[in-house]
């Protein structure tokens, strides 16, 4: 993969990292701003349900941040775009759709098939 394309992926990954950081900051601010003394049990339940949902989203984003860091490290060490399992090049369209991916489509499909067969 050429340096220009790698730099485009780096910029895209860094932008996503920044976006997640901003959303995390907003969530923290909103949660600390909300009053904890809500007398109505239904209102309290609604607030808690919303907080729980927001925290699940942030947890998923935390995991994505880790994958973003790993992808940037692969760009730096020159292994970005190579399948972790078979060593073949990951298709550009796949990387564009999911820049943090570490598996080519064939290996990912095989992994998912294996996981499904274990679950049955």
PDB file of N, CA and C in Angstrom:
ATOM      1  N   UNK A   1       0.858  -1.174   0.000  1.00  0.00           N
ATOM      2  CA  UNK A   1       0.000   0.000   0.000  1.00  0.00           C
ATOM      3  C   UNK A   1       0.902   1.234   0.000  1.00  0.00           C
ATOM      4  N   UNK A   2       0.531   2.220  -0.792  1.00  0.00           N
ATOM      5  CA  UNK A   2       1.389   3.405  -0.895  1.00  0.00           C
ATOM      6  C   UNK A   2       1.245   4.308   0.340  1.00  0.00           C
ATOM      7  N   UNK A   3       2.238   5.160   0.516  1.00  0.00           N
ATOM      8  CA  UNK A   3       2.297   6.020   1.704  1.00  0.00           C
ATOM      9  C   UNK A   3       1.113   6.984   1.771  1.00  0.00           C
ATOM     10  N   UNK A   4       0.685   7.472   0.627  1.00  0.00           N
ATOM     11  CA  UNK A   4      -0.440   8.412   0.592  1.00  0.00           C
ATOM     12  C   UNK A   4      -1.717   7.751   1.116  1.00  0.00           C
ATOM     13  N   UNK A   5      -1.970   6.528   0.678  1.00  0.00           N
ATOM     14  CA  UNK A   5      -3.159   5.794   1.117  1.00  0.00           C
ATOM     15  C   UNK A   5      -3.059   5.498   2.622  1.00  0.00           C
ATOM     16  N   UNK A   6      -1.871   5.104   3.081  1.00  0.00           N
ATOM     17  CA  UNK A   6      -1.672   4.852   4.515  1.00  0.00           C
ATOM     18  C   UNK A   6      -1.942   6.104   5.340  1.00  0.00           C
ATOM     19  N   UNK A   7      -1.495   7.238   4.825  1.00  0.00           N
ATOM     20  CA  UNK A   7      -1.716   8.499   5.544  1.00  0.00           C
ATOM     21  C   UNK A   7      -3.206   8.842   5.589  1.00  0.00           C
ATOM     22  N   UNK A   8      -3.934   8.525   4.536  1.00  0.00           N
ATOM     23  CA  UNK A   8      -5.383   8.747   4.535  1.00  0.00           C
ATOM     24  C   UNK A   8      -6.054   7.906   5.630  1.00  0.00           C
ATOM     25  N   UNK A   9      -5.617   6.666   5.748  1.00  0.00           N
ATOM     26  CA  UNK A   9      -6.176   5.805   6.801  1.00  0.00           C
ATOM     27  C   UNK A   9      -5.794   6.337   8.185  1.00  0.00           C
ATOM     28  N   UNK A  10      -4.563   6.804   8.339  1.00  0.00           N
ATOM     29  CA  UNK A  10      -4.134   7.364   9.625  1.00  0.00           C
ATOM     30  C   UNK A  10      -5.024   8.555  10.010  1.00  0.00           C
ATOM     31  N   UNK A  11      -5.260   9.451   9.057  1.00  0.00           N
ATOM     32  CA  UNK A  11      -6.097  10.632   9.303  1.00  0.00           C
ATOM     33  C   UNK A  11      -7.518  10.198   9.686  1.00  0.00           C
ATOM     34  N   UNK A  12      -8.049   9.230   8.972  1.00  0.00           N
ATOM     35  CA  UNK A  12      -9.396   8.730   9.255  1.00  0.00           C
ATOM     36  C   UNK A  12      -9.461   8.128  10.665  1.00  0.00           C
ATOM     37  N   UNK A  13      -8.464   7.342  11.022  1.00  0.00           N
ATOM     38  CA  UNK A  13      -8.439   6.712  12.346  1.00  0.00           C
ATOM     39  C   UNK A  13      -8.292   7.757  13.452  1.00  0.00           C
ATOM     40  N   UNK A  14      -7.433   8.726  13.241  1.00  0.00           N
ATOM     41  CA  UNK A  14      -7.245   9.781  14.246  1.00  0.00           C
ATOM     42  C   UNK A  14      -8.514  10.620  14.408  1.00  0.00           C
ATOM     43  N   UNK A  15      -9.219  10.860  13.315  1.00  0.00           N
ATOM     44  CA  UNK A  15     -10.468  11.623  13.386  1.00  0.00           C
ATOM     45  C   UNK A  15     -11.516  10.852  14.190  1.00  0.00           C
ATOM     46  N   UNK A  16     -11.600   9.552  13.987  1.00  0.00           N
ATOM     47  CA  UNK A  16     -12.553   8.733  14.738  1.00  0.00           C
ATOM     48  C   UNK A  16     -12.179   8.720  16.221  1.00  0.00           C
ATOM     49  N   UNK A  17     -10.901   8.659  16.492  1.00  0.00           N
ATOM     50  CA  UNK A  17     -10.414   8.682  17.877  1.00  0.00           C
ATOM     51  C   UNK A  17     -10.820   9.996  18.549  1.00  0.00           C
ATOM     52  N   UNK A  18     -10.661  11.091  17.850  1.00  0.00           N
ATOM     53  CA  UNK A  18     -11.040  12.410  18.366  1.00  0.00           C
ATOM     54  C   UNK A  18     -12.546  12.494  18.604  1.00  0.00           C
ATOM     55  N   UNK A  19     -13.317  11.964  17.658  1.00  0.00           N
ATOM     56  CA  UNK A  19     -14.777  11.974  17.780  1.00  0.00           C
ATOM     57  C   UNK A  19     -15.222  11.203  19.028  1.00  0.00           C
ATOM     58  N   UNK A  20     -14.620  10.055  19.261  1.00  0.00           N
ATOM     59  CA  UNK A  20     -14.963   9.253  20.436  1.00  0.00           C
ATOM     60  C   UNK A  20     -14.604   9.999  21.716  1.00  0.00           C
ATOM     61  N   UNK A  21     -13.448  10.649  21.726  1.00  0.00           N
ATOM     62  CA  UNK A  21     -13.038  11.410  22.910  1.00  0.00           C
ATOM     63  C   UNK A  21     -14.028  12.534  23.204  1.00  0.00           C
ATOM     64  N   UNK A  22     -14.489  13.218  22.177  1.00  0.00           N
ATOM     65  CA  UNK A  22     -15.471  14.300  22.361  1.00  0.00           C
ATOM     66  C   UNK A  22     -16.789  13.759  22.921  1.00  0.00           C
ATOM     67  N   UNK A  23     -17.249  12.641  22.373  1.00  0.00           N
ATOM     68  CA  UNK A  23     -18.500  12.043  22.843  1.00  0.00           C
ATOM     69  C   UNK A  23     -18.379  11.583  24.292  1.00  0.00           C
ATOM     70  N   UNK A  24     -17.242  11.049  24.641  1.00  0.00           N
ATOM     71  CA  UNK A  24     -17.010  10.620  26.021  1.00  0.00           C
ATOM     72  C   UNK A  24     -17.066  11.816  26.964  1.00  0.00           C
ATOM     73  N   UNK A  25     -16.454  12.908  26.559  1.00  0.00           N
ATOM     74  CA  UNK A  25     -16.484  14.126  27.362  1.00  0.00           C
ATOM     75  C   UNK A  25     -17.898  14.647  27.543  1.00  0.00           C
ATOM     76  N   UNK A  26     -18.697  14.612  26.472  1.00  0.00           N
ATOM     77  CA  UNK A  26     -20.090  15.061  26.553  1.00  0.00           C
ATOM     78  C   UNK A  26     -20.884  14.187  27.513  1.00  0.00           C
ATOM     79  N   UNK A  27     -20.680  12.876  27.404  1.00  0.00           N
ATOM     80  CA  UNK A  27     -21.398  11.946  28.278  1.00  0.00           C
ATOM     81  C   UNK A  27     -21.057  12.207  29.737  1.00  0.00           C
ATOM     82  N   UNK A  28     -19.796  12.364  30.020  1.00  0.00           N
ATOM     83  CA  UNK A  28     -19.364  12.621  31.392  1.00  0.00           C
ATOM     84  C   UNK A  28     -19.976  13.915  31.911  1.00  0.00           C
ATOM     85  N   UNK A  29     -19.957  14.937  31.085  1.00  0.00           N
ATOM     86  CA  UNK A  29     -20.522  16.224  31.469  1.00  0.00           C
ATOM     87  C   UNK A  29     -22.020  16.110  31.725  1.00  0.00           C
ATOM     88  N   UNK A  30     -22.726  15.435  30.845  1.00  0.00           N
ATOM     89  CA  UNK A  30     -24.177  15.275  30.994  1.00  0.00           C
ATOM     90  C   UNK A  30     -24.522  14.485  32.249  1.00  0.00           C
ATOM     91  N   UNK A  31     -23.747  13.449  32.521  1.00  0.00           N
ATOM     92  CA  UNK A  31     -24.039  12.618  33.684  1.00  0.00           C
ATOM     93  C   UNK A  31     -23.765  13.343  34.997  1.00  0.00           C
ATOM     94  N   UNK A  32     -22.774  14.190  35.010  1.00  0.00           N
ATOM     95  CA  UNK A  32     -22.482  14.923  36.241  1.00  0.00           C
ATOM     96  C   UNK A  32     -23.416  16.116  36.411  1.00  0.00           C
ATOM     97  N   UNK A  33     -23.954  16.621  35.309  1.00  0.00           N
ATOM     98  CA  UNK A  33     -24.877  17.753  35.382  1.00  0.00           C
ATOM     99  C   UNK A  33     -26.282  17.353  35.833  1.00  0.00           C
ATOM    100  N   UNK A  34     -26.673  16.130  35.546  1.00  0.00           N
ATOM    101  CA  UNK A  34     -28.017  15.685  35.904  1.00  0.00           C
ATOM    102  C   UNK A  34     -28.153  15.626  37.421  1.00  0.00           C
ATOM    103  N   UNK A  35     -29.289  16.050  37.874  1.00  0.00           N
ATOM    104  CA  UNK A  35     -29.528  16.010  39.319  1.00  0.00           C
ATOM    105  C   UNK A  35     -29.789  14.575  39.742  1.00  0.00           C
ATOM    106  N   UNK A  36     -29.210  14.180  40.857  1.00  0.00           N
ATOM    107  CA  UNK A  36     -29.389  12.818  41.328  1.00  0.00           C
ATOM    108  C   UNK A  36     -30.619  12.669  42.212  1.00  0.00           C
ATOM    109  N   UNK A  37     -31.231  13.779  42.600  1.00  0.00           N
ATOM    110  CA  UNK A  37     -32.397  13.734  43.458  1.00  0.00           C
ATOM    111  C   UNK A  37     -33.654  13.918  42.621  1.00  0.00           C
ATOM    112  N   UNK A  38     -34.123  12.835  42.044  1.00  0.00           N
ATOM    113  CA  UNK A  38     -35.343  12.863  41.237  1.00  0.00           C
ATOM    114  C   UNK A  38     -36.400  12.102  42.033  1.00  0.00           C
ATOM    115  N   UNK A  39     -37.401  12.807  42.530  1.00  0.00           N
ATOM    116  CA  UNK A  39     -38.368  12.161  43.428  1.00  0.00           C
ATOM    117  C   UNK A  39     -39.266  11.119  42.760  1.00  0.00           C
ATOM    118  N   UNK A  40     -39.608  11.309  41.508  1.00  0.00           N
ATOM    119  CA  UNK A  40     -40.525  10.385  40.854  1.00  0.00           C
ATOM    120  C   UNK A  40     -39.781   9.105  40.440  1.00  0.00           C
ATOM    121  N   UNK A  41     -40.225   7.944  40.903  1.00  0.00           N
ATOM    122  CA  UNK A  41     -39.546   6.688  40.564  1.00  0.00           C
ATOM    123  C   UNK A  41     -39.507   6.406  39.061  1.00  0.00           C
ATOM    124  N   UNK A  42     -40.559   6.777  38.352  1.00  0.00           N
ATOM    125  CA  UNK A  42     -40.574   6.552  36.902  1.00  0.00           C
ATOM    126  C   UNK A  42     -39.529   7.417  36.203  1.00  0.00           C
ATOM    127  N   UNK A  43     -39.406   8.660  36.627  1.00  0.00           N
ATOM    128  CA  UNK A  43     -38.391   9.545  36.052  1.00  0.00           C
ATOM    129  C   UNK A  43     -36.992   9.023  36.362  1.00  0.00           C
ATOM    130  N   UNK A  44     -36.810   8.566  37.604  1.00  0.00           N
ATOM    131  CA  UNK A  44     -35.510   8.020  37.996  1.00  0.00           C
ATOM    132  C   UNK A  44     -35.161   6.801  37.147  1.00  0.00           C
ATOM    133  N   UNK A  45     -36.144   5.928  36.936  1.00  0.00           N
ATOM    134  CA  UNK A  45     -35.922   4.727  36.125  1.00  0.00           C
ATOM    135  C   UNK A  45     -35.569   5.091  34.683  1.00  0.00           C
ATOM    136  N   UNK A  46     -36.239   6.102  34.148  1.00  0.00           N
ATOM    137  CA  UNK A  46     -35.949   6.552  32.784  1.00  0.00           C
ATOM    138  C   UNK A  46     -34.531   7.092  32.681  1.00  0.00           C
ATOM    139  N   UNK A  47     -34.137   7.896  33.676  1.00  0.00           N
ATOM    140  CA  UNK A  47     -32.784   8.457  33.691  1.00  0.00           C
ATOM    141  C   UNK A  47     -31.747   7.343  33.800  1.00  0.00           C
ATOM    142  N   UNK A  48     -31.981   6.383  34.681  1.00  0.00           N
ATOM    143  CA  UNK A  48     -31.043   5.271  34.864  1.00  0.00           C
ATOM    144  C   UNK A  48     -30.946   4.403  33.613  1.00  0.00           C
ATOM    145  N   UNK A  49     -32.068   4.186  32.960  1.00  0.00           N
ATOM    146  CA  UNK A  49     -32.067   3.406  31.726  1.00  0.00           C
ATOM    147  C   UNK A  49     -31.247   4.123  30.651  1.00  0.00           C
ATOM    148  N   UNK A  50     -31.437   5.422  30.538  1.00  0.00           N
ATOM    149  CA  UNK A  50     -30.661   6.216  29.583  1.00  0.00           C
ATOM    150  C   UNK A  50     -29.171   6.196  29.899  1.00  0.00           C
ATOM    151  N   UNK A  51     -28.844   6.298  31.174  1.00  0.00           N
ATOM    152  CA  UNK A  51     -27.433   6.245  31.584  1.00  0.00           C
ATOM    153  C   UNK A  51     -26.816   4.892  31.252  1.00  0.00           C
ATOM    154  N   UNK A  52     -27.562   3.848  31.529  1.00  0.00           N
ATOM    155  CA  UNK A  52     -27.063   2.501  31.255  1.00  0.00           C
ATOM    156  C   UNK A  52     -26.791   2.319  29.758  1.00  0.00           C
ATOM    157  N   UNK A  53     -27.726   2.774  28.946  1.00  0.00           N
ATOM    158  CA  UNK A  53     -27.561   2.686  27.492  1.00  0.00           C
ATOM    159  C   UNK A  53     -26.331   3.478  27.047  1.00  0.00           C
ATOM    160  N   UNK A  54     -26.193   4.683  27.567  1.00  0.00           N
ATOM    161  CA  UNK A  54     -25.055   5.541  27.218  1.00  0.00           C
ATOM    162  C   UNK A  54     -23.736   4.898  27.626  1.00  0.00           C
ATOM    163  N   UNK A  55     -23.711   4.287  28.787  1.00  0.00           N
ATOM    164  CA  UNK A  55     -22.485   3.634  29.259  1.00  0.00           C
ATOM    165  C   UNK A  55     -22.130   2.414  28.406  1.00  0.00           C
ATOM    166  N   UNK A  56     -23.135   1.685  27.928  1.00  0.00           N
ATOM    167  CA  UNK A  56     -22.852   0.554  27.031  1.00  0.00           C
ATOM    168  C   UNK A  56     -22.241   1.050  25.728  1.00  0.00           C
ATOM    169  N   UNK A  57     -22.748   2.160  25.221  1.00  0.00           N
ATOM    170  CA  UNK A  57     -22.188   2.740  23.995  1.00  0.00           C
ATOM    171  C   UNK A  57     -20.736   3.149  24.235  1.00  0.00           C
ATOM    172  N   UNK A  58     -20.482   3.810  25.350  1.00  0.00           N
ATOM    173  CA  UNK A  58     -19.120   4.255  25.660  1.00  0.00           C
ATOM    174  C   UNK A  58     -18.173   3.070  25.832  1.00  0.00           C
ATOM    175  N   UNK A  59     -18.668   1.962  26.379  1.00  0.00           N
ATOM    176  CA  UNK A  59     -17.830   0.779  26.532  1.00  0.00           C
ATOM    177  C   UNK A  59     -17.450   0.209  25.167  1.00  0.00           C
ATOM    178  N   UNK A  60     -18.404   0.196  24.258  1.00  0.00           N
ATOM    179  CA  UNK A  60     -18.102  -0.268  22.891  1.00  0.00           C
ATOM    180  C   UNK A  60     -17.083   0.656  22.226  1.00  0.00           C
ATOM    181  N   UNK A  61     -17.225   1.957  22.461  1.00  0.00           N
ATOM    182  CA  UNK A  61     -16.284   2.910  21.886  1.00  0.00           C
ATOM    183  C   UNK A  61     -14.899   2.765  22.517  1.00  0.00           C
ATOM    184  N   UNK A  62     -14.851   2.424  23.801  1.00  0.00           N
ATOM    185  CA  UNK A  62     -13.567   2.193  24.465  1.00  0.00           C
ATOM    186  C   UNK A  62     -12.836   1.032  23.791  1.00  0.00           C
ATOM    187  N   UNK A  63     -13.583  -0.017  23.479  1.00  0.00           N
ATOM    188  CA  UNK A  63     -12.993  -1.161  22.784  1.00  0.00           C
ATOM    189  C   UNK A  63     -12.544  -0.762  21.382  1.00  0.00           C
ATOM    190  N   UNK A  64     -13.323   0.083  20.726  1.00  0.00           N
ATOM    191  CA  UNK A  64     -12.953   0.559  19.393  1.00  0.00           C
ATOM    192  C   UNK A  64     -11.695   1.406  19.459  1.00  0.00           C
ATOM    193  N   UNK A  65     -11.545   2.207  20.509  1.00  0.00           N
ATOM    194  CA  UNK A  65     -10.325   3.005  20.670  1.00  0.00           C
ATOM    195  C   UNK A  65      -9.089   2.124  20.697  1.00  0.00           C
ATOM    196  N   UNK A  66      -9.185   1.014  21.378  1.00  0.00           N
ATOM    197  CA  UNK A  66      -8.068   0.076  21.444  1.00  0.00           C
ATOM    198  C   UNK A  66      -7.734  -0.447  20.046  1.00  0.00           C
ATOM    199  N   UNK A  67      -8.759  -0.771  19.277  1.00  0.00           N
ATOM    200  CA  UNK A  67      -8.541  -1.254  17.913  1.00  0.00           C
ATOM    201  C   UNK A  67      -7.954  -0.157  17.026  1.00  0.00           C
ATOM    202  N   UNK A  68      -8.371   1.080  17.251  1.00  0.00           N
ATOM    203  CA  UNK A  68      -7.819   2.209  16.493  1.00  0.00           C
ATOM    204  C   UNK A  68      -6.330   2.356  16.794  1.00  0.00           C
ATOM    205  N   UNK A  69      -5.970   2.279  18.076  1.00  0.00           N
ATOM    206  CA  UNK A  69      -4.553   2.373  18.466  1.00  0.00           C
ATOM    207  C   UNK A  69      -3.737   1.262  17.813  1.00  0.00           C
ATOM    208  N   UNK A  70      -4.288   0.052  17.799  1.00  0.00           N
ATOM    209  CA  UNK A  70      -3.597  -1.073  17.170  1.00  0.00           C
ATOM    210  C   UNK A  70      -3.423  -0.844  15.668  1.00  0.00           C
ATOM    211  N   UNK A  71      -4.448  -0.311  15.017  1.00  0.00           N
ATOM    212  CA  UNK A  71      -4.367  -0.046  13.579  1.00  0.00           C
ATOM    213  C   UNK A  71      -3.307   1.008  13.280  1.00  0.00           C
ATOM    214  N   UNK A  72      -3.248   2.053  14.104  1.00  0.00           N
ATOM    215  CA  UNK A  72      -2.228   3.095  13.915  1.00  0.00           C
ATOM    216  C   UNK A  72      -0.836   2.501  14.117  1.00  0.00           C
ATOM    217  N   UNK A  73      -0.697   1.624  15.097  1.00  0.00           N
ATOM    218  CA  UNK A  73       0.595   0.955  15.328  1.00  0.00           C
ATOM    219  C   UNK A  73       0.982   0.104  14.112  1.00  0.00           C
ATOM    220  N   UNK A  74      -0.004  -0.542  13.495  1.00  0.00           N
ATOM    221  CA  UNK A  74       0.291  -1.342  12.293  1.00  0.00           C
ATOM    222  C   UNK A  74       0.701  -0.452  11.127  1.00  0.00           C
ATOM    223  N   UNK A  75       0.098   0.731  11.039  1.00  0.00           N
ATOM    224  CA  UNK A  75       0.526   1.677  10.001  1.00  0.00           C
ATOM    225  C   UNK A  75       1.991   2.040  10.245  1.00  0.00           C
ATOM    226  N   UNK A  76       2.314   2.323  11.510  1.00  0.00           N
ATOM    227  CA  UNK A  76       3.683   2.715  11.861  1.00  0.00           C
ATOM    228  C   UNK A  76       4.701   1.609  11.603  1.00  0.00           C
ATOM    229  N   UNK A  77       4.327   0.345  11.882  1.00  0.00           N
ATOM    230  CA  UNK A  77       5.303  -0.738  11.705  1.00  0.00           C
ATOM    231  C   UNK A  77       5.276  -1.375  10.316  1.00  0.00           C
ATOM    232  N   UNK A  78       4.379  -0.870   9.463  1.00  0.00           N
ATOM    233  CA  UNK A  78       4.353  -1.340   8.079  1.00  0.00           C
ATOM    234  C   UNK A  78       3.515  -2.578   7.833  1.00  0.00           C
ATOM    235  N   UNK A  79       2.780  -3.057   8.835  1.00  0.00           N
ATOM    236  CA  UNK A  79       1.990  -4.271   8.641  1.00  0.00           C
ATOM    237  C   UNK A  79       0.514  -3.985   8.381  1.00  0.00           C
ATOM    238  N   UNK A  80       0.135  -2.710   8.321  1.00  0.00           N
ATOM    239  CA  UNK A  80      -1.271  -2.356   8.089  1.00  0.00           C
ATOM    240  C   UNK A  80      -1.706  -2.861   6.723  1.00  0.00           C
ATOM    241  N   UNK A  81      -2.875  -3.477   6.688  1.00  0.00           N
ATOM    242  CA  UNK A  81      -3.417  -3.974   5.424  1.00  0.00           C
ATOM    243  C   UNK A  81      -3.062  -5.407   5.134  1.00  0.00           C
ATOM    244  N   UNK A  82      -2.304  -6.042   6.036  1.00  0.00           N
ATOM    245  CA  UNK A  82      -1.975  -7.456   5.879  1.00  0.00           C
ATOM    246  C   UNK A  82      -2.838  -8.267   6.834  1.00  0.00           C
ATOM    247  N   UNK A  83      -3.386  -9.357   6.344  1.00  0.00           N
ATOM    248  CA  UNK A  83      -4.238 -10.218   7.159  1.00  0.00           C
ATOM    249  C   UNK A  83      -3.397 -10.865   8.261  1.00  0.00           C
ATOM    250  N   UNK A  84      -3.907 -10.799   9.461  1.00  0.00           N
ATOM    251  CA  UNK A  84      -3.228 -11.363  10.627  1.00  0.00           C
ATOM    252  C   UNK A  84      -3.133 -12.890  10.558  1.00  0.00           C
ATOM    253  N   UNK A  85      -4.098 -13.530   9.899  1.00  0.00           N
ATOM    254  CA  UNK A  85      -4.105 -14.995   9.829  1.00  0.00           C
ATOM    255  C   UNK A  85      -3.298 -15.548   8.658  1.00  0.00           C
ATOM    256  N   UNK A  86      -3.606 -15.087   7.456  1.00  0.00           N
ATOM    257  CA  UNK A  86      -2.985 -15.697   6.272  1.00  0.00           C
ATOM    258  C   UNK A  86      -1.832 -14.885   5.685  1.00  0.00           C
ATOM    259  N   UNK A  87      -1.705 -13.620   6.097  1.00  0.00           N
ATOM    260  CA  UNK A  87      -0.611 -12.787   5.600  1.00  0.00           C
ATOM    261  C   UNK A  87      -0.881 -12.130   4.255  1.00  0.00           C
ATOM    262  N   UNK A  88      -2.024 -12.451   3.658  1.00  0.00           N
ATOM    263  CA  UNK A  88      -2.378 -11.839   2.377  1.00  0.00           C
ATOM    264  C   UNK A  88      -2.822 -10.397   2.594  1.00  0.00           C
ATOM    265  N   UNK A  89      -2.844  -9.643   1.515  1.00  0.00           N
ATOM    266  CA  UNK A  89      -3.283  -8.251   1.591  1.00  0.00           C
ATOM    267  C   UNK A  89      -4.793  -8.186   1.796  1.00  0.00           C
ATOM    268  N   UNK A  90      -5.227  -7.324   2.707  1.00  0.00           N
ATOM    269  CA  UNK A  90      -6.656  -7.104   2.938  1.00  0.00           C
ATOM    270  C   UNK A  90      -7.153  -6.171   1.840  1.00  0.00           C
ATOM    271  N   UNK A  91      -8.287  -6.486   1.267  1.00  0.00           N
ATOM    272  CA  UNK A  91      -8.842  -5.680   0.184  1.00  0.00           C
ATOM    273  C   UNK A  91      -9.088  -4.232   0.608  1.00  0.00           C
ATOM    274  N   UNK A  92      -8.834  -3.321  -0.306  1.00  0.00           N
ATOM    275  CA  UNK A  92      -8.986  -1.895  -0.036  1.00  0.00           C
ATOM    276  C   UNK A  92     -10.423  -1.544   0.364  1.00  0.00           C
ATOM    277  N   UNK A  93     -11.395  -2.122  -0.309  1.00  0.00           N
ATOM    278  CA  UNK A  93     -12.796  -1.841   0.024  1.00  0.00           C
ATOM    279  C   UNK A  93     -13.108  -2.274   1.457  1.00  0.00           C
ATOM    280  N   UNK A  94     -12.544  -3.387   1.883  1.00  0.00           N
ATOM    281  CA  UNK A  94     -12.756  -3.853   3.259  1.00  0.00           C
ATOM    282  C   UNK A  94     -12.125  -2.878   4.241  1.00  0.00           C
ATOM    283  N   UNK A  95     -10.917  -2.422   3.948  1.00  0.00           N
ATOM    284  CA  UNK A  95     -10.247  -1.459   4.830  1.00  0.00           C
ATOM    285  C   UNK A  95     -10.996  -0.133   4.871  1.00  0.00           C
ATOM    286  N   UNK A  96     -11.535   0.272   3.742  1.00  0.00           N
ATOM    287  CA  UNK A  96     -12.304   1.515   3.719  1.00  0.00           C
ATOM    288  C   UNK A  96     -13.570   1.385   4.566  1.00  0.00           C
ATOM    289  N   UNK A  97     -14.197   0.214   4.523  1.00  0.00           N
ATOM    290  CA  UNK A  97     -15.417  -0.011   5.291  1.00  0.00           C
ATOM    291  C   UNK A  97     -15.116  -0.172   6.782  1.00  0.00           C
ATOM    292  N   UNK A  98     -14.002  -0.805   7.099  1.00  0.00           N
ATOM    293  CA  UNK A  98     -13.636  -1.070   8.491  1.00  0.00           C
ATOM    294  C   UNK A  98     -12.122  -0.934   8.628  1.00  0.00           C
ATOM    295  N   UNK A  99     -11.636   0.294   8.806  1.00  0.00           N
ATOM    296  CA  UNK A  99     -10.191   0.533   8.819  1.00  0.00           C
ATOM    297  C   UNK A  99      -9.426  -0.136   9.960  1.00  0.00           C
ATOM    298  N   UNK A 100     -10.133  -0.625  10.979  1.00  0.00           N
ATOM    299  CA  UNK A 100      -9.443  -1.279  12.098  1.00  0.00           C
ATOM    300  C   UNK A 100      -9.316  -2.790  11.890  1.00  0.00           C
ATOM    301  N   UNK A 101      -9.844  -3.301  10.786  1.00  0.00           N
ATOM    302  CA  UNK A 101      -9.847  -4.744  10.577  1.00  0.00           C
ATOM    303  C   UNK A 101      -8.433  -5.314  10.501  1.00  0.00           C
ATOM    304  N   UNK A 102      -8.301  -6.535  10.975  1.00  0.00           N
ATOM    305  CA  UNK A 102      -7.008  -7.210  10.951  1.00  0.00           C
ATOM    306  C   UNK A 102      -7.064  -8.484  10.114  1.00  0.00           C
ATOM    307  N   UNK A 103      -8.249  -8.794   9.566  1.00  0.00           N
ATOM    308  CA  UNK A 103      -8.434 -10.020   8.796  1.00  0.00           C
ATOM    309  C   UNK A 103      -8.997  -9.716   7.414  1.00  0.00           C
ATOM    310  N   UNK A 104      -8.528 -10.470   6.435  1.00  0.00           N
ATOM    311  CA  UNK A 104      -9.111 -10.360   5.095  1.00  0.00           C
ATOM    312  C   UNK A 104     -10.515 -10.951   5.152  1.00  0.00           C
ATOM    313  N   UNK A 105     -11.283 -10.738   4.122  1.00  0.00           N
ATOM    314  CA  UNK A 105     -12.674 -11.179   4.127  1.00  0.00           C
ATOM    315  C   UNK A 105     -12.779 -12.696   4.217  1.00  0.00           C
ATOM    316  N   UNK A 106     -11.882 -13.418   3.568  1.00  0.00           N
ATOM    317  CA  UNK A 106     -11.937 -14.884   3.618  1.00  0.00           C
ATOM    318  C   UNK A 106     -11.674 -15.402   5.025  1.00  0.00           C
ATOM    319  N   UNK A 107     -10.656 -14.865   5.695  1.00  0.00           N
ATOM    320  CA  UNK A 107     -10.338 -15.307   7.057  1.00  0.00           C
ATOM    321  C   UNK A 107     -11.425 -14.889   8.041  1.00  0.00           C
ATOM    322  N   UNK A 108     -12.003 -13.703   7.848  1.00  0.00           N
ATOM    323  CA  UNK A 108     -13.080 -13.247   8.726  1.00  0.00           C
ATOM    324  C   UNK A 108     -14.313 -14.128   8.555  1.00  0.00           C
ATOM    325  N   UNK A 109     -14.630 -14.476   7.325  1.00  0.00           N
ATOM    326  CA  UNK A 109     -15.763 -15.355   7.054  1.00  0.00           C
ATOM    327  C   UNK A 109     -15.539 -16.719   7.706  1.00  0.00           C
ATOM    328  N   UNK A 110     -14.327 -17.249   7.573  1.00  0.00           N
ATOM    329  CA  UNK A 110     -14.002 -18.539   8.188  1.00  0.00           C
ATOM    330  C   UNK A 110     -14.109 -18.454   9.710  1.00  0.00           C
ATOM    331  N   UNK A 111     -13.645 -17.359  10.286  1.00  0.00           N
ATOM    332  CA  UNK A 111     -13.720 -17.164  11.736  1.00  0.00           C
ATOM    333  C   UNK A 111     -15.177 -17.134  12.200  1.00  0.00           C
ATOM    334  N   UNK A 112     -16.019 -16.397  11.487  1.00  0.00           N
ATOM    335  CA  UNK A 112     -17.433 -16.304  11.858  1.00  0.00           C
ATOM    336  C   UNK A 112     -18.142 -17.648  11.708  1.00  0.00           C
ATOM    337  N   UNK A 113     -17.808 -18.387  10.674  1.00  0.00           N
ATOM    338  CA  UNK A 113     -18.399 -19.709  10.460  1.00  0.00           C
ATOM    339  C   UNK A 113     -18.014 -20.642  11.603  1.00  0.00           C
ATOM    340  N   UNK A 114     -16.763 -20.590  12.006  1.00  0.00           N
ATOM    341  CA  UNK A 114     -16.278 -21.406  13.114  1.00  0.00           C
ATOM    342  C   UNK A 114     -16.981 -21.048  14.415  1.00  0.00           C
ATOM    343  N   UNK A 115     -17.148 -19.724  14.661  1.00  0.00           N
ATOM    344  CA  UNK A 115     -17.827 -19.266  15.874  1.00  0.00           C
ATOM    345  C   UNK A 115     -19.291 -19.725  15.881  1.00  0.00           C
ATOM    346  N   UNK A 116     -19.945 -19.656  14.726  1.00  0.00           N
ATOM    347  CA  UNK A 116     -21.349 -20.082  14.642  1.00  0.00           C
ATOM    348  C   UNK A 116     -21.487 -21.570  14.910  1.00  0.00           C
ATOM    349  N   UNK A 117     -20.545 -22.363  14.383  1.00  0.00           N
ATOM    350  CA  UNK A 117     -20.630 -23.816  14.569  1.00  0.00           C
ATOM    351  C   UNK A 117     -20.374 -24.190  16.032  1.00  0.00           C
ATOM    352  N   UNK A 118     -19.574 -23.406  16.747  1.00  0.00           N
ATOM    353  CA  UNK A 118     -19.325 -23.661  18.169  1.00  0.00           C
ATOM    354  C   UNK A 118     -20.572 -23.366  18.984  1.00  0.00           C
ATOM    355  N   UNK A 119     -21.327 -22.369  18.558  1.00  0.00           N
ATOM    356  CA  UNK A 119     -22.520 -21.947  19.291  1.00  0.00           C
ATOM    357  C   UNK A 119     -23.701 -22.894  19.139  1.00  0.00           C
ATOM    358  N   UNK A 120     -23.632 -23.799  18.198  1.00  0.00           N
ATOM    359  CA  UNK A 120     -24.783 -24.694  17.964  1.00  0.00           C
ATOM    360  C   UNK A 120     -24.666 -25.972  18.729  1.00  0.00           C
TER     361      UNK A 120
END
